[in-house]
Protein backbone atom coordinates (compact mmCIF):
# COMPACT_ATOMS: atom_id res chain seq x y z
CA MET A 1 -20.29 26.19 -51.29
CA ASN A 2 -20.61 23.64 -48.49
CA THR A 3 -24.21 22.37 -48.20
CA LYS A 4 -23.57 19.18 -46.23
CA HIS A 5 -25.50 20.48 -43.21
CA ILE A 6 -28.72 20.87 -45.28
CA LYS A 7 -30.58 17.55 -45.33
CA ASP A 8 -33.53 18.46 -47.56
CA ARG A 9 -32.66 18.14 -51.26
CA ALA A 10 -34.94 20.96 -52.43
CA GLU A 11 -33.63 23.29 -49.73
CA ARG A 12 -30.04 22.48 -50.68
CA LYS A 13 -30.80 23.16 -54.35
CA LYS A 14 -32.38 26.49 -53.44
CA ALA A 15 -29.31 27.51 -51.40
CA LYS A 16 -26.93 26.55 -54.19
CA ARG A 17 -28.89 28.50 -56.82
CA ALA A 18 -28.97 31.58 -54.59
CA ALA A 19 -25.20 31.34 -54.05
CA ARG A 20 -24.61 30.94 -57.77
CA LYS A 21 -26.69 34.04 -58.46
CA GLU A 22 -24.75 36.09 -55.88
CA ALA A 23 -21.32 34.96 -57.13
CA PRO A 24 -19.35 37.52 -59.16
CA ALA A 25 -19.39 37.07 -62.92
CA ILE A 26 -16.40 35.29 -64.43
CA ALA A 27 -14.42 37.54 -66.77
CA PRO A 28 -14.21 36.34 -70.37
CA ARG A 29 -10.96 34.83 -71.54
CA ALA A 30 -8.55 37.30 -73.17
CA ALA A 31 -8.29 37.10 -76.96
CA ASP A 32 -4.60 36.16 -76.90
CA VAL A 33 -5.08 33.20 -74.52
CA ALA A 34 -5.62 29.80 -76.17
CA ARG A 35 -8.59 27.69 -75.06
CA GLY A 36 -6.47 24.75 -73.95
CA SER A 37 -3.59 26.75 -72.51
CA GLN A 38 -3.96 25.11 -69.06
CA LYS A 39 -4.04 21.54 -70.39
CA ARG A 40 -1.06 19.23 -69.93
CA LYS A 41 0.89 19.00 -73.14
CA VAL A 42 1.63 15.55 -74.61
CA LYS A 43 5.21 14.95 -75.61
CA LYS A 44 5.68 13.62 -79.13
CA MET A 45 6.85 10.02 -79.29
CA ALA A 46 9.94 9.22 -81.29
CA LYS A 47 9.16 8.08 -84.81
CA GLY A 48 11.01 5.22 -86.43
CA GLN A 49 12.28 2.50 -84.10
CA ARG A 50 9.75 0.81 -81.89
CA LYS A 51 9.75 1.58 -78.21
CA ARG A 52 9.30 -2.05 -77.07
C-alpha cells in the first residue's frame, strides 16, 4: 500500500491498519512444502584440499 501522500503519521498508520484488515487471508502452507523451500541453497564446498 502506497501511503506517501499522507503526511500525518497517525493518519498513515490508521490507513495501513485498515488496509491490512481488508486484505484477504493468506492460505496456510501445504503440509508437503518445506519451510525453507524458497531459500537459495548453498553448494557444499569440496573437502580435502584447500581452496586457496
